C-alpha atoms as a PDB file:
ATOM      1  CA  UNK A   1     -26.589   6.814  15.310  1.00  0.00           C
ATOM      2  CA  UNK A   2     -25.505   5.705  11.828  1.00  0.00           C
ATOM      3  CA  UNK A   3     -22.721   7.473   9.945  1.00  0.00           C
ATOM      4  CA  UNK A   4     -24.533   9.328   7.161  1.00  0.00           C
ATOM      5  CA  UNK A   5     -23.026  10.551   3.888  1.00  0.00           C
ATOM      6  CA  UNK A   6     -23.617  13.225   2.841  1.00  0.00           C
ATOM      7  CA  UNK A   7     -24.384  14.988   6.082  1.00  0.00           C
ATOM      8  CA  UNK A   8     -26.399  17.076   6.059  1.00  0.00           C
ATOM      9  CA  UNK A   9     -28.602  16.327   3.071  1.00  0.00           C
ATOM     10  CA  UNK A  10     -27.929  18.959   0.372  1.00  0.00           C
ATOM     11  CA  UNK A  11     -30.246  21.983   0.449  1.00  0.00           C
ATOM     12  CA  UNK A  12     -31.714  21.220  -2.988  1.00  0.00           C
ATOM     13  CA  UNK A  13     -32.981  17.867  -1.652  1.00  0.00           C
ATOM     14  CA  UNK A  14     -34.696  19.557   1.307  1.00  0.00           C
ATOM     15  CA  UNK A  15     -36.362  21.986  -1.103  1.00  0.00           C
ATOM     16  CA  UNK A  16     -37.611  19.307  -3.534  1.00  0.00           C
ATOM     17  CA  UNK A  17     -41.121  18.106  -2.602  1.00  0.00           C
ATOM     18  CA  UNK A  18     -40.634  15.040  -4.820  1.00  0.00           C
ATOM     19  CA  UNK A  19     -37.950  13.799  -2.415  1.00  0.00           C
ATOM     20  CA  UNK A  20     -40.062  13.850   0.758  1.00  0.00           C
ATOM     21  CA  UNK A  21     -40.032  10.039   1.026  1.00  0.00           C
ATOM     22  CA  UNK A  22     -36.237   9.963   0.671  1.00  0.00           C
ATOM     23  CA  UNK A  23     -35.865  12.590   3.412  1.00  0.00           C
ATOM     24  CA  UNK A  24     -38.061  10.515   5.729  1.00  0.00           C
ATOM     25  CA  UNK A  25     -36.052   7.352   5.080  1.00  0.00           C
ATOM     26  CA  UNK A  26     -32.774   9.229   5.570  1.00  0.00           C
ATOM     27  CA  UNK A  27     -33.941  10.529   8.959  1.00  0.00           C
ATOM     28  CA  UNK A  28     -35.291   7.112   9.997  1.00  0.00           C
ATOM     29  CA  UNK A  29     -32.061   5.310   9.076  1.00  0.00           C
ATOM     30  CA  UNK A  30     -29.971   7.914  10.867  1.00  0.00           C
ATOM     31  CA  UNK A  31     -32.051   7.602  14.048  1.00  0.00           C
ATOM     32  CA  UNK A  32     -32.629   3.841  14.067  1.00  0.00           C
ATOM     33  CA  UNK A  33     -29.261   2.403  13.084  1.00  0.00           C
ATOM     34  CA  UNK A  34     -26.286   2.177  15.424  1.00  0.00           C
ATOM     35  CA  UNK A  35     -22.916   3.709  14.666  1.00  0.00           C
ATOM     36  CA  UNK A  36     -21.835   0.309  13.315  1.00  0.00           C
ATOM     37  CA  UNK A  37     -23.710   1.241  10.119  1.00  0.00           C
ATOM     38  CA  UNK A  38     -22.658   3.601   7.351  1.00  0.00           C
ATOM     39  CA  UNK A  39     -25.364   4.956   5.059  1.00  0.00           C
ATOM     40  CA  UNK A  40     -24.642   6.545   1.688  1.00  0.00           C
ATOM     41  CA  UNK A  41     -27.454   8.608   0.155  1.00  0.00           C
ATOM     42  CA  UNK A  42     -27.969   9.372  -3.553  1.00  0.00           C
ATOM     43  CA  UNK A  43     -25.113   7.200  -4.761  1.00  0.00           C
ATOM     44  CA  UNK A  44     -24.185   7.850  -8.390  1.00  0.00           C
ATOM     45  CA  UNK A  45     -22.305   5.110 -10.211  1.00  0.00           C
ATOM     46  CA  UNK A  46     -20.686   4.457 -13.567  1.00  0.00           C
ATOM     47  CA  UNK A  47     -20.022   0.960 -14.879  1.00  0.00           C
ATOM     48  CA  UNK A  48     -18.872  -0.715 -18.052  1.00  0.00           C
ATOM     49  CA  UNK A  49     -21.419  -2.829 -19.926  1.00  0.00           C
ATOM     50  CA  UNK A  50     -20.433  -6.139 -21.545  1.00  0.00           C
ATOM     51  CA  UNK A  51     -20.269  -4.450 -24.944  1.00  0.00           C
ATOM     52  CA  UNK A  52     -17.833  -1.865 -23.572  1.00  0.00           C
ATOM     53  CA  UNK A  53     -20.268   1.037 -23.418  1.00  0.00           C
ATOM     54  CA  UNK A  54     -20.539   3.098 -20.247  1.00  0.00           C
ATOM     55  CA  UNK A  55     -23.707   2.956 -18.176  1.00  0.00           C
ATOM     56  CA  UNK A  56     -24.458   5.421 -15.430  1.00  0.00           C
ATOM     57  CA  UNK A  57     -27.079   5.273 -12.734  1.00  0.00           C
ATOM     58  CA  UNK A  58     -28.035   6.238  -9.228  1.00  0.00           C
ATOM     59  CA  UNK A  59     -29.468   4.466  -6.213  1.00  0.00           C
ATOM     60  CA  UNK A  60     -31.100   6.127  -3.233  1.00  0.00           C
ATOM     61  CA  UNK A  61     -29.341   4.316  -0.386  1.00  0.00           C
ATOM     62  CA  UNK A  62     -26.400   1.992   0.145  1.00  0.00           C
ATOM     63  CA  UNK A  63     -26.349   0.736   3.738  1.00  0.00           C
ATOM     64  CA  UNK A  64     -23.121  -0.909   4.907  1.00  0.00           C
ATOM     65  CA  UNK A  65     -22.264  -2.964   7.997  1.00  0.00           C
ATOM     66  CA  UNK A  66     -19.012  -4.890   8.561  1.00  0.00           C
ATOM     67  CA  UNK A  67     -20.834  -8.044   9.776  1.00  0.00           C
ATOM     68  CA  UNK A  68     -24.166  -7.865   7.927  1.00  0.00           C
ATOM     69  CA  UNK A  69     -22.914  -6.752   4.519  1.00  0.00           C
ATOM     70  CA  UNK A  70     -24.402  -4.273   2.077  1.00  0.00           C
ATOM     71  CA  UNK A  71     -28.028  -3.375   1.373  1.00  0.00           C
ATOM     72  CA  UNK A  72     -28.962  -1.366  -1.715  1.00  0.00           C
ATOM     73  CA  UNK A  73     -32.346   0.386  -1.431  1.00  0.00           C
ATOM     74  CA  UNK A  74     -34.549   2.448  -3.720  1.00  0.00           C
ATOM     75  CA  UNK A  75     -37.241   4.676  -2.183  1.00  0.00           C
ATOM     76  CA  UNK A  76     -40.552   5.443  -3.866  1.00  0.00           C
ATOM     77  CA  UNK A  77     -43.090   7.886  -2.459  1.00  0.00           C
ATOM     78  CA  UNK A  78     -46.852   7.771  -2.457  1.00  0.00           C
ATOM     79  CA  UNK A  79     -48.890   4.606  -2.704  1.00  0.00           C
ATOM     80  CA  UNK A  80     -46.786   2.293  -4.853  1.00  0.00           C
ATOM     81  CA  UNK A  81     -48.324  -0.451  -6.957  1.00  0.00           C
ATOM     82  CA  UNK A  82     -47.579  -2.810  -9.806  1.00  0.00           C
ATOM     83  CA  UNK A  83     -49.904  -4.030 -12.538  1.00  0.00           C
ATOM     84  CA  UNK A  84     -49.588  -7.816 -12.530  1.00  0.00           C
ATOM     85  CA  UNK A  85     -50.436  -8.096 -16.227  1.00  0.00           C
ATOM     86  CA  UNK A  86     -48.251  -5.362 -17.737  1.00  0.00           C
ATOM     87  CA  UNK A  87     -45.598  -5.201 -15.031  1.00  0.00           C
ATOM     88  CA  UNK A  88     -45.909  -1.394 -14.948  1.00  0.00           C
ATOM     89  CA  UNK A  89     -45.093   0.228 -11.604  1.00  0.00           C
ATOM     90  CA  UNK A  90     -47.045   3.284 -10.452  1.00  0.00           C
ATOM     91  CA  UNK A  91     -47.200   5.703  -7.554  1.00  0.00           C
ATOM     92  CA  UNK A  92     -50.374   7.499  -6.441  1.00  0.00           C
ATOM     93  CA  UNK A  93     -49.624  10.910  -4.890  1.00  0.00           C
ATOM     94  CA  UNK A  94     -51.536  12.765  -2.170  1.00  0.00           C
ATOM     95  CA  UNK A  95     -53.807  14.328  -4.817  1.00  0.00           C
ATOM     96  CA  UNK A  96     -54.677  10.809  -6.078  1.00  0.00           C
ATOM     97  CA  UNK A  97     -52.770  11.403  -9.323  1.00  0.00           C
ATOM     98  CA  UNK A  98     -51.157   8.231 -10.659  1.00  0.00           C
ATOM     99  CA  UNK A  99     -47.602   8.455 -11.996  1.00  0.00           C
ATOM    100  CA  UNK A 100     -45.653   5.790 -13.872  1.00  0.00           C
ATOM    101  CA  UNK A 101     -42.398   5.011 -12.099  1.00  0.00           C
ATOM    102  CA  UNK A 102     -39.337   2.950 -12.886  1.00  0.00           C
ATOM    103  CA  UNK A 103     -39.273  -0.618 -11.619  1.00  0.00           C
ATOM    104  CA  UNK A 104     -37.582  -0.275  -8.199  1.00  0.00           C
ATOM    105  CA  UNK A 105     -36.503  -3.936  -8.191  1.00  0.00           C
ATOM    106  CA  UNK A 106     -34.729  -3.531 -11.546  1.00  0.00           C
ATOM    107  CA  UNK A 107     -33.158  -0.279 -10.337  1.00  0.00           C
ATOM    108  CA  UNK A 108     -31.738  -1.955  -7.233  1.00  0.00           C
ATOM    109  CA  UNK A 109     -30.565  -4.984  -9.217  1.00  0.00           C
ATOM    110  CA  UNK A 110     -28.647  -2.904 -11.779  1.00  0.00           C
ATOM    111  CA  UNK A 111     -27.168  -0.750  -9.014  1.00  0.00           C
ATOM    112  CA  UNK A 112     -26.095  -3.825  -7.068  1.00  0.00           C
ATOM    113  CA  UNK A 113     -24.215  -5.275 -10.031  1.00  0.00           C
ATOM    114  CA  UNK A 114     -22.658  -1.908 -10.913  1.00  0.00           C
ATOM    115  CA  UNK A 115     -21.429  -1.409  -7.347  1.00  0.00           C
ATOM    116  CA  UNK A 116     -20.094  -4.958  -7.107  1.00  0.00           C
END
């Protein structure tokens, strides 16, 4: 079983229906990965931009293994899609309501560079 941080997930996360997908991924990573892995959930970061200004952000998961390296992952719930013309990412919830969401690829990329 992977080493999970934080453990357990904070109560406010369990109570938030918008974080159901994150809870499922947390449980799946904990169960599926061996104890050679360390998983950090809801990682907040602060970095310095080239112009000197501070930039803060957050990424859902940072998965670490001594031999395999580091994987940064962003979780989106619902049915996720991307408009090929506009580049807009969306998520369709269980009630078929479409929500605009941040680009998960851009989120992971900025988090990767900030953490490096």
